[in-house]
Amino acid sequence: MERVSPGERATLAAGMTLLWNLGLVIAPIYYGLLQDGLGFTAGFTVDFVTIIVLYTIATSLLWHWFRDTDRTATSEAMIGPIPVETPVPFEHA
């Protein structure tokens, strides 16, 4: 999120949520069709292999896209500290 401008963060968050929820819609339909067509055991096996393949692809893509990211720069160094006002002591009347 810190790599996205503040004006685009809401759009990015909405897009990420949309894609995540799309997966939650597609997965049960996919598994239901597999279980209906192949039976429980074979459907579970195919589903398990599919999960392994998708996680392998996701891990490879993350490594490929972010392997050159500078790990020494922290988000605080890029953004800077947020100024905080000093509290005003409460006075009794």
PDB file of N, CA and C in Angstrom:
ATOM      1  N   MET A   1       0.808  -1.200   0.000  1.00  0.00           N
ATOM      2  CA  MET A   1       0.000   0.000   0.000  1.00  0.00           C
ATOM      3  C   MET A   1       0.849   1.261   0.000  1.00  0.00           C
ATOM      4  N   GLU A   2       2.036   1.201   0.618  1.00  0.00           N
ATOM      5  CA  GLU A   2       2.835   2.418   0.678  1.00  0.00           C
ATOM      6  C   GLU A   2       3.415   2.813  -0.675  1.00  0.00           C
ATOM      7  N   ARG A   3       3.349   1.929  -1.656  1.00  0.00           N
ATOM      8  CA  ARG A   3       3.835   2.252  -2.992  1.00  0.00           C
ATOM      9  C   ARG A   3       2.764   2.926  -3.853  1.00  0.00           C
ATOM     10  N   VAL A   4       1.560   3.014  -3.331  1.00  0.00           N
ATOM     11  CA  VAL A   4       0.448   3.621  -4.063  1.00  0.00           C
ATOM     12  C   VAL A   4       0.190   5.001  -3.475  1.00  0.00           C
ATOM     13  N   SER A   5      -0.154   5.949  -4.331  1.00  0.00           N
ATOM     14  CA  SER A   5      -0.434   7.297  -3.826  1.00  0.00           C
ATOM     15  C   SER A   5      -1.674   7.266  -2.935  1.00  0.00           C
ATOM     16  N   PRO A   6      -1.746   8.183  -1.956  1.00  0.00           N
ATOM     17  CA  PRO A   6      -2.893   8.184  -1.038  1.00  0.00           C
ATOM     18  C   PRO A   6      -4.243   8.278  -1.740  1.00  0.00           C
ATOM     19  N   GLY A   7      -4.314   8.959  -2.872  1.00  0.00           N
ATOM     20  CA  GLY A   7      -5.571   9.078  -3.585  1.00  0.00           C
ATOM     21  C   GLY A   7      -6.027   7.796  -4.254  1.00  0.00           C
ATOM     22  N   GLU A   8      -5.094   6.863  -4.473  1.00  0.00           N
ATOM     23  CA  GLU A   8      -5.431   5.605  -5.146  1.00  0.00           C
ATOM     24  C   GLU A   8      -5.554   4.427  -4.197  1.00  0.00           C
ATOM     25  N   ARG A   9      -5.342   4.636  -2.919  1.00  0.00           N
ATOM     26  CA  ARG A   9      -5.367   3.522  -1.961  1.00  0.00           C
ATOM     27  C   ARG A   9      -6.746   2.904  -1.818  1.00  0.00           C
ATOM     28  N   ALA A  10      -7.779   3.723  -1.833  1.00  0.00           N
ATOM     29  CA  ALA A  10      -9.139   3.183  -1.721  1.00  0.00           C
ATOM     30  C   ALA A  10      -9.485   2.337  -2.938  1.00  0.00           C
ATOM     31  N   THR A  11      -9.058   2.787  -4.123  1.00  0.00           N
ATOM     32  CA  THR A  11      -9.312   2.015  -5.336  1.00  0.00           C
ATOM     33  C   THR A  11      -8.563   0.695  -5.301  1.00  0.00           C
ATOM     34  N   LEU A  12      -7.315   0.725  -4.850  1.00  0.00           N
ATOM     35  CA  LEU A  12      -6.534  -0.506  -4.747  1.00  0.00           C
ATOM     36  C   LEU A  12      -7.151  -1.467  -3.729  1.00  0.00           C
ATOM     37  N   ALA A  13      -7.560  -0.945  -2.580  1.00  0.00           N
ATOM     38  CA  ALA A  13      -8.176  -1.792  -1.557  1.00  0.00           C
ATOM     39  C   ALA A  13      -9.469  -2.419  -2.073  1.00  0.00           C
ATOM     40  N   ALA A  14     -10.272  -1.632  -2.800  1.00  0.00           N
ATOM     41  CA  ALA A  14     -11.515  -2.164  -3.357  1.00  0.00           C
ATOM     42  C   ALA A  14     -11.227  -3.240  -4.401  1.00  0.00           C
ATOM     43  N   GLY A  15     -10.232  -3.007  -5.251  1.00  0.00           N
ATOM     44  CA  GLY A  15      -9.874  -4.006  -6.262  1.00  0.00           C
ATOM     45  C   GLY A  15      -9.352  -5.293  -5.645  1.00  0.00           C
ATOM     46  N   MET A  16      -8.523  -5.166  -4.603  1.00  0.00           N
ATOM     47  CA  MET A  16      -7.999  -6.360  -3.933  1.00  0.00           C
ATOM     48  C   MET A  16      -9.123  -7.149  -3.267  1.00  0.00           C
ATOM     49  N   THR A  17     -10.058  -6.446  -2.638  1.00  0.00           N
ATOM     50  CA  THR A  17     -11.197  -7.112  -2.000  1.00  0.00           C
ATOM     51  C   THR A  17     -12.081  -7.790  -3.031  1.00  0.00           C
ATOM     52  N   LEU A  18     -12.290  -7.120  -4.165  1.00  0.00           N
ATOM     53  CA  LEU A  18     -13.099  -7.690  -5.235  1.00  0.00           C
ATOM     54  C   LEU A  18     -12.480  -8.985  -5.755  1.00  0.00           C
ATOM     55  N   LEU A  19     -11.178  -8.980  -6.010  1.00  0.00           N
ATOM     56  CA  LEU A  19     -10.519 -10.189  -6.510  1.00  0.00           C
ATOM     57  C   LEU A  19     -10.542 -11.313  -5.481  1.00  0.00           C
ATOM     58  N   TRP A  20     -10.340 -10.978  -4.207  1.00  0.00           N
ATOM     59  CA  TRP A  20     -10.363 -11.997  -3.160  1.00  0.00           C
ATOM     60  C   TRP A  20     -11.757 -12.628  -3.073  1.00  0.00           C
ATOM     61  N   ASN A  21     -12.798 -11.803  -3.080  1.00  0.00           N
ATOM     62  CA  ASN A  21     -14.157 -12.315  -2.991  1.00  0.00           C
ATOM     63  C   ASN A  21     -14.574 -13.068  -4.251  1.00  0.00           C
ATOM     64  N   LEU A  22     -14.027 -12.692  -5.401  1.00  0.00           N
ATOM     65  CA  LEU A  22     -14.295 -13.434  -6.626  1.00  0.00           C
ATOM     66  C   LEU A  22     -13.766 -14.867  -6.499  1.00  0.00           C
ATOM     67  N   GLY A  23     -12.609 -15.012  -5.886  1.00  0.00           N
ATOM     68  CA  GLY A  23     -12.082 -16.352  -5.624  1.00  0.00           C
ATOM     69  C   GLY A  23     -12.982 -17.154  -4.697  1.00  0.00           C
ATOM     70  N   LEU A  24     -13.577 -16.471  -3.707  1.00  0.00           N
ATOM     71  CA  LEU A  24     -14.481 -17.162  -2.779  1.00  0.00           C
ATOM     72  C   LEU A  24     -15.786 -17.568  -3.458  1.00  0.00           C
ATOM     73  N   VAL A  25     -16.131 -16.927  -4.558  1.00  0.00           N
ATOM     74  CA  VAL A  25     -17.325 -17.300  -5.314  1.00  0.00           C
ATOM     75  C   VAL A  25     -17.013 -18.455  -6.264  1.00  0.00           C
ATOM     76  N   ILE A  26     -15.875 -18.394  -6.912  1.00  0.00           N
ATOM     77  CA  ILE A  26     -15.528 -19.397  -7.932  1.00  0.00           C
ATOM     78  C   ILE A  26     -15.138 -20.735  -7.307  1.00  0.00           C
ATOM     79  N   ALA A  27     -14.418 -20.725  -6.198  1.00  0.00           N
ATOM     80  CA  ALA A  27     -13.883 -21.955  -5.609  1.00  0.00           C
ATOM     81  C   ALA A  27     -14.962 -22.995  -5.261  1.00  0.00           C
ATOM     82  N   PRO A  28     -16.054 -22.635  -4.570  1.00  0.00           N
ATOM     83  CA  PRO A  28     -17.055 -23.656  -4.254  1.00  0.00           C
ATOM     84  C   PRO A  28     -17.743 -24.225  -5.495  1.00  0.00           C
ATOM     85  N   ILE A  29     -17.956 -23.370  -6.502  1.00  0.00           N
ATOM     86  CA  ILE A  29     -18.573 -23.860  -7.735  1.00  0.00           C
ATOM     87  C   ILE A  29     -17.641 -24.855  -8.418  1.00  0.00           C
ATOM     88  N   TYR A  30     -16.361 -24.503  -8.494  1.00  0.00           N
ATOM     89  CA  TYR A  30     -15.355 -25.375  -9.108  1.00  0.00           C
ATOM     90  C   TYR A  30     -15.282 -26.713  -8.368  1.00  0.00           C
ATOM     91  N   TYR A  31     -15.191 -26.658  -7.047  1.00  0.00           N
ATOM     92  CA  TYR A  31     -15.077 -27.897  -6.290  1.00  0.00           C
ATOM     93  C   TYR A  31     -16.364 -28.711  -6.353  1.00  0.00           C
ATOM     94  N   GLY A  32     -17.508 -28.038  -6.353  1.00  0.00           N
ATOM     95  CA  GLY A  32     -18.780 -28.763  -6.454  1.00  0.00           C
ATOM     96  C   GLY A  32     -18.910 -29.514  -7.769  1.00  0.00           C
ATOM     97  N   LEU A  33     -18.494 -28.869  -8.866  1.00  0.00           N
ATOM     98  CA  LEU A  33     -18.531 -29.544 -10.166  1.00  0.00           C
ATOM     99  C   LEU A  33     -17.558 -30.720 -10.208  1.00  0.00           C
ATOM    100  N   LEU A  34     -16.375 -30.532  -9.617  1.00  0.00           N
ATOM    101  CA  LEU A  34     -15.408 -31.641  -9.573  1.00  0.00           C
ATOM    102  C   LEU A  34     -15.952 -32.812  -8.764  1.00  0.00           C
ATOM    103  N   GLN A  35     -16.492 -32.519  -7.604  1.00  0.00           N
ATOM    104  CA  GLN A  35     -17.004 -33.585  -6.743  1.00  0.00           C
ATOM    105  C   GLN A  35     -18.201 -34.281  -7.389  1.00  0.00           C
ATOM    106  N   ASP A  36     -19.035 -33.534  -8.083  1.00  0.00           N
ATOM    107  CA  ASP A  36     -20.195 -34.118  -8.738  1.00  0.00           C
ATOM    108  C   ASP A  36     -19.769 -35.001  -9.908  1.00  0.00           C
ATOM    109  N   GLY A  37     -18.789 -34.551 -10.672  1.00  0.00           N
ATOM    110  CA  GLY A  37     -18.375 -35.295 -11.864  1.00  0.00           C
ATOM    111  C   GLY A  37     -17.433 -36.454 -11.583  1.00  0.00           C
ATOM    112  N   LEU A  38     -16.511 -36.260 -10.631  1.00  0.00           N
ATOM    113  CA  LEU A  38     -15.488 -37.280 -10.391  1.00  0.00           C
ATOM    114  C   LEU A  38     -15.704 -38.111  -9.135  1.00  0.00           C
ATOM    115  N   GLY A  39     -16.589 -37.688  -8.276  1.00  0.00           N
ATOM    116  CA  GLY A  39     -16.752 -38.357  -6.995  1.00  0.00           C
ATOM    117  C   GLY A  39     -15.938 -37.624  -5.937  1.00  0.00           C
ATOM    118  N   PHE A  40     -16.179 -37.966  -4.677  1.00  0.00           N
ATOM    119  CA  PHE A  40     -15.546 -37.227  -3.592  1.00  0.00           C
ATOM    120  C   PHE A  40     -14.030 -37.391  -3.591  1.00  0.00           C
ATOM    121  N   THR A  41     -13.527 -38.597  -3.639  1.00  0.00           N
ATOM    122  CA  THR A  41     -12.090 -38.840  -3.518  1.00  0.00           C
ATOM    123  C   THR A  41     -11.314 -38.267  -4.693  1.00  0.00           C
ATOM    124  N   ALA A  42     -11.743 -38.543  -5.906  1.00  0.00           N
ATOM    125  CA  ALA A  42     -11.039 -38.025  -7.083  1.00  0.00           C
ATOM    126  C   ALA A  42     -11.186 -36.507  -7.171  1.00  0.00           C
ATOM    127  N   GLY A  43     -12.363 -35.984  -6.844  1.00  0.00           N
ATOM    128  CA  GLY A  43     -12.568 -34.536  -6.853  1.00  0.00           C
ATOM    129  C   GLY A  43     -11.674 -33.838  -5.838  1.00  0.00           C
ATOM    130  N   PHE A  44     -11.533 -34.444  -4.653  1.00  0.00           N
ATOM    131  CA  PHE A  44     -10.657 -33.882  -3.630  1.00  0.00           C
ATOM    132  C   PHE A  44      -9.210 -33.908  -4.094  1.00  0.00           C
ATOM    133  N   THR A  45      -8.785 -34.990  -4.738  1.00  0.00           N
ATOM    134  CA  THR A  45      -7.414 -35.104  -5.225  1.00  0.00           C
ATOM    135  C   THR A  45      -7.116 -34.037  -6.277  1.00  0.00           C
ATOM    136  N   VAL A  46      -8.011 -33.873  -7.233  1.00  0.00           N
ATOM    137  CA  VAL A  46      -7.814 -32.861  -8.276  1.00  0.00           C
ATOM    138  C   VAL A  46      -7.811 -31.465  -7.652  1.00  0.00           C
ATOM    139  N   ASP A  47      -8.703 -31.228  -6.706  1.00  0.00           N
ATOM    140  CA  ASP A  47      -8.755 -29.934  -6.030  1.00  0.00           C
ATOM    141  C   ASP A  47      -7.458 -29.661  -5.274  1.00  0.00           C
ATOM    142  N   PHE A  48      -6.933 -30.661  -4.600  1.00  0.00           N
ATOM    143  CA  PHE A  48      -5.694 -30.516  -3.840  1.00  0.00           C
ATOM    144  C   PHE A  48      -4.519 -30.212  -4.765  1.00  0.00           C
ATOM    145  N   VAL A  49      -4.445 -30.912  -5.887  1.00  0.00           N
ATOM    146  CA  VAL A  49      -3.376 -30.661  -6.860  1.00  0.00           C
ATOM    147  C   VAL A  49      -3.531 -29.258  -7.450  1.00  0.00           C
ATOM    148  N   THR A  50      -4.763 -28.830  -7.707  1.00  0.00           N
ATOM    149  CA  THR A  50      -5.006 -27.480  -8.223  1.00  0.00           C
ATOM    150  C   THR A  50      -4.514 -26.429  -7.237  1.00  0.00           C
ATOM    151  N   ILE A  51      -4.788 -26.629  -5.955  1.00  0.00           N
ATOM    152  CA  ILE A  51      -4.327 -25.690  -4.928  1.00  0.00           C
ATOM    153  C   ILE A  51      -2.806 -25.637  -4.897  1.00  0.00           C
ATOM    154  N   ILE A  52      -2.156 -26.779  -4.988  1.00  0.00           N
ATOM    155  CA  ILE A  52      -0.689 -26.811  -4.992  1.00  0.00           C
ATOM    156  C   ILE A  52      -0.145 -26.039  -6.191  1.00  0.00           C
ATOM    157  N   VAL A  53      -0.723 -26.242  -7.361  1.00  0.00           N
ATOM    158  CA  VAL A  53      -0.263 -25.544  -8.570  1.00  0.00           C
ATOM    159  C   VAL A  53      -0.476 -24.040  -8.444  1.00  0.00           C
ATOM    160  N   LEU A  54      -1.650 -23.618  -7.979  1.00  0.00           N
ATOM    161  CA  LEU A  54      -1.933 -22.184  -7.862  1.00  0.00           C
ATOM    162  C   LEU A  54      -1.036 -21.511  -6.819  1.00  0.00           C
ATOM    163  N   TYR A  55      -0.783 -22.156  -5.694  1.00  0.00           N
ATOM    164  CA  TYR A  55       0.117 -21.587  -4.698  1.00  0.00           C
ATOM    165  C   TYR A  55       1.549 -21.506  -5.223  1.00  0.00           C
ATOM    166  N   THR A  56       1.964 -22.496  -6.002  1.00  0.00           N
ATOM    167  CA  THR A  56       3.302 -22.460  -6.595  1.00  0.00           C
ATOM    168  C   THR A  56       3.424 -21.311  -7.583  1.00  0.00           C
ATOM    169  N   ILE A  57       2.401 -21.108  -8.401  1.00  0.00           N
ATOM    170  CA  ILE A  57       2.410 -19.996  -9.356  1.00  0.00           C
ATOM    171  C   ILE A  57       2.426 -18.659  -8.612  1.00  0.00           C
ATOM    172  N   ALA A  58       1.607 -18.524  -7.580  1.00  0.00           N
ATOM    173  CA  ALA A  58       1.549 -17.271  -6.821  1.00  0.00           C
ATOM    174  C   ALA A  58       2.882 -16.974  -6.144  1.00  0.00           C
ATOM    175  N   THR A  59       3.502 -17.982  -5.553  1.00  0.00           N
ATOM    176  CA  THR A  59       4.795 -17.788  -4.910  1.00  0.00           C
ATOM    177  C   THR A  59       5.858 -17.402  -5.921  1.00  0.00           C
ATOM    178  N   SER A  60       5.867 -18.053  -7.071  1.00  0.00           N
ATOM    179  CA  SER A  60       6.840 -17.732  -8.116  1.00  0.00           C
ATOM    180  C   SER A  60       6.649 -16.309  -8.636  1.00  0.00           C
ATOM    181  N   LEU A  61       5.391 -15.894  -8.844  1.00  0.00           N
ATOM    182  CA  LEU A  61       5.134 -14.539  -9.317  1.00  0.00           C
ATOM    183  C   LEU A  61       5.553 -13.489  -8.295  1.00  0.00           C
ATOM    184  N   LEU A  62       5.242 -13.717  -7.029  1.00  0.00           N
ATOM    185  CA  LEU A  62       5.655 -12.772  -5.998  1.00  0.00           C
ATOM    186  C   LEU A  62       7.173 -12.656  -5.934  1.00  0.00           C
ATOM    187  N   TRP A  63       7.849 -13.777  -5.995  1.00  0.00           N
ATOM    188  CA  TRP A  63       9.305 -13.750  -5.956  1.00  0.00           C
ATOM    189  C   TRP A  63       9.857 -13.027  -7.183  1.00  0.00           C
ATOM    190  N   HIS A  64       9.289 -13.307  -8.348  1.00  0.00           N
ATOM    191  CA  HIS A  64       9.772 -12.692  -9.582  1.00  0.00           C
ATOM    192  C   HIS A  64       9.533 -11.179  -9.590  1.00  0.00           C
ATOM    193  N   TRP A  65       8.355 -10.743  -9.146  1.00  0.00           N
ATOM    194  CA  TRP A  65       8.011  -9.330  -9.189  1.00  0.00           C
ATOM    195  C   TRP A  65       8.743  -8.510  -8.128  1.00  0.00           C
ATOM    196  N   PHE A  66       8.971  -9.086  -6.950  1.00  0.00           N
ATOM    197  CA  PHE A  66       9.488  -8.306  -5.824  1.00  0.00           C
ATOM    198  C   PHE A  66      10.886  -8.711  -5.379  1.00  0.00           C
ATOM    199  N   ARG A  67      11.613  -9.489  -6.145  1.00  0.00           N
ATOM    200  CA  ARG A  67      12.939  -9.928  -5.713  1.00  0.00           C
ATOM    201  C   ARG A  67      13.943  -8.794  -5.681  1.00  0.00           C
ATOM    202  N   ASP A  68      13.734  -7.750  -6.474  1.00  0.00           N
ATOM    203  CA  ASP A  68      14.672  -6.631  -6.500  1.00  0.00           C
ATOM    204  C   ASP A  68      14.252  -5.483  -5.581  1.00  0.00           C
ATOM    205  N   THR A  69      13.254  -5.703  -4.744  1.00  0.00           N
ATOM    206  CA  THR A  69      12.780  -4.664  -3.835  1.00  0.00           C
ATOM    207  C   THR A  69      13.827  -4.400  -2.774  1.00  0.00           C
ATOM    208  N   ASP A  70      14.056  -3.130  -2.489  1.00  0.00           N
ATOM    209  CA  ASP A  70      15.027  -2.749  -1.476  1.00  0.00           C
ATOM    210  C   ASP A  70      14.443  -3.051  -0.098  1.00  0.00           C
ATOM    211  N   ARG A  71      15.068  -3.939   0.630  1.00  0.00           N
ATOM    212  CA  ARG A  71      14.559  -4.335   1.940  1.00  0.00           C
ATOM    213  C   ARG A  71      15.055  -3.418   3.050  1.00  0.00           C
ATOM    214  N   THR A  72      15.995  -2.539   2.741  1.00  0.00           N
ATOM    215  CA  THR A  72      16.536  -1.669   3.781  1.00  0.00           C
ATOM    216  C   THR A  72      15.674  -0.446   4.018  1.00  0.00           C
ATOM    217  N   ALA A  73      14.908  -0.024   3.027  1.00  0.00           N
ATOM    218  CA  ALA A  73      14.046   1.156   3.187  1.00  0.00           C
ATOM    219  C   ALA A  73      12.767   0.764   3.900  1.00  0.00           C
ATOM    220  N   THR A  74      12.476   1.456   4.970  1.00  0.00           N
ATOM    221  CA  THR A  74      11.240   1.189   5.704  1.00  0.00           C
ATOM    222  C   THR A  74      10.165   2.162   5.259  1.00  0.00           C
ATOM    223  N   SER A  75       8.948   1.840   5.578  1.00  0.00           N
ATOM    224  CA  SER A  75       7.847   2.715   5.184  1.00  0.00           C
ATOM    225  C   SER A  75       7.929   4.052   5.911  1.00  0.00           C
ATOM    226  N   GLU A  76       8.451   4.070   7.140  1.00  0.00           N
ATOM    227  CA  GLU A  76       8.581   5.334   7.867  1.00  0.00           C
ATOM    228  C   GLU A  76       9.602   6.246   7.197  1.00  0.00           C
ATOM    229  N   ALA A  77      10.664   5.659   6.633  1.00  0.00           N
ATOM    230  CA  ALA A  77      11.680   6.474   5.965  1.00  0.00           C
ATOM    231  C   ALA A  77      11.118   7.097   4.696  1.00  0.00           C
ATOM    232  N   MET A  78      10.204   6.415   4.024  1.00  0.00           N
ATOM    233  CA  MET A  78       9.627   6.950   2.796  1.00  0.00           C
ATOM    234  C   MET A  78       8.533   7.965   3.085  1.00  0.00           C
ATOM    235  N   ILE A  79       7.750   7.742   4.133  1.00  0.00           N
ATOM    236  CA  ILE A  79       6.600   8.596   4.413  1.00  0.00           C
ATOM    237  C   ILE A  79       6.960   9.704   5.399  1.00  0.00           C
ATOM    238  N   GLY A  80       7.684   9.365   6.425  1.00  0.00           N
ATOM    239  CA  GLY A  80       8.027  10.331   7.464  1.00  0.00           C
ATOM    240  C   GLY A  80       7.065  10.217   8.630  1.00  0.00           C
ATOM    241  N   PRO A  81       7.470  10.740   9.778  1.00  0.00           N
ATOM    242  CA  PRO A  81       6.603  10.640  10.956  1.00  0.00           C
ATOM    243  C   PRO A  81       5.392  11.567  10.842  1.00  0.00           C
ATOM    244  N   ILE A  82       4.321  11.170  11.483  1.00  0.00           N
ATOM    245  CA  ILE A  82       3.098  11.967  11.498  1.00  0.00           C
ATOM    246  C   ILE A  82       3.198  12.951  12.657  1.00  0.00           C
ATOM    247  N   PRO A  83       3.008  14.245  12.407  1.00  0.00           N
ATOM    248  CA  PRO A  83       3.097  15.201  13.510  1.00  0.00           C
ATOM    249  C   PRO A  83       1.931  15.025  14.481  1.00  0.00           C
ATOM    250  N   VAL A  84       2.239  15.115  15.759  1.00  0.00           N
ATOM    251  CA  VAL A  84       1.230  14.938  16.806  1.00  0.00           C
ATOM    252  C   VAL A  84       1.193  16.205  17.643  1.00  0.00           C
ATOM    253  N   GLU A  85      -0.017  16.696  17.910  1.00  0.00           N
ATOM    254  CA  GLU A  85      -0.159  17.874  18.751  1.00  0.00           C
ATOM    255  C   GLU A  85       0.020  17.491  20.212  1.00  0.00           C
ATOM    256  N   THR A  86       0.602  18.381  20.978  1.00  0.00           N
ATOM    257  CA  THR A  86       0.742  18.107  22.408  1.00  0.00           C
ATOM    258  C   THR A  86      -0.612  18.293  23.072  1.00  0.00           C
ATOM    259  N   PRO A  87      -0.956  17.404  23.991  1.00  0.00           N
ATOM    260  CA  PRO A  87      -2.268  17.516  24.637  1.00  0.00           C
ATOM    261  C   PRO A  87      -2.331  18.736  25.561  1.00  0.00           C
ATOM    262  N   VAL A  88      -3.505  19.335  25.615  1.00  0.00           N
ATOM    263  CA  VAL A  88      -3.733  20.473  26.488  1.00  0.00           C
ATOM    264  C   VAL A  88      -4.259  19.925  27.807  1.00  0.00           C
ATOM    265  N   PRO A  89      -3.618  20.306  28.937  1.00  0.00           N
ATOM    266  CA  PRO A  89      -4.100  19.780  30.219  1.00  0.00           C
ATOM    267  C   PRO A  89      -5.504  20.300  30.533  1.00  0.00           C
ATOM    268  N   PHE A  90      -6.305  19.434  31.129  1.00  0.00           N
ATOM    269  CA  PHE A  90      -7.677  19.796  31.486  1.00  0.00           C
ATOM    270  C   PHE A  90      -7.662  20.633  32.744  1.00  0.00           C
ATOM    271  N   GLU A  91      -8.324  21.758  32.696  1.00  0.00           N
ATOM    272  CA  GLU A  91      -8.378  22.648  33.869  1.00  0.00           C
ATOM    273  C   GLU A  91      -9.771  22.621  34.465  1.00  0.00           C
ATOM    274  N   HIS A  92      -9.823  22.522  35.789  1.00  0.00           N
ATOM    275  CA  HIS A  92     -11.124  22.535  36.485  1.00  0.00           C
ATOM    276  C   HIS A  92     -11.598  23.957  36.626  1.00  0.00           C
ATOM    277  N   ALA A  93     -12.890  24.141  36.529  1.00  0.00           N
ATOM    278  CA  ALA A  93     -13.460  25.494  36.668  1.00  0.00           C
ATOM    279  C   ALA A  93     -13.604  25.884  38.106  1.00  0.00           C
TER     280      ALA A  93
END
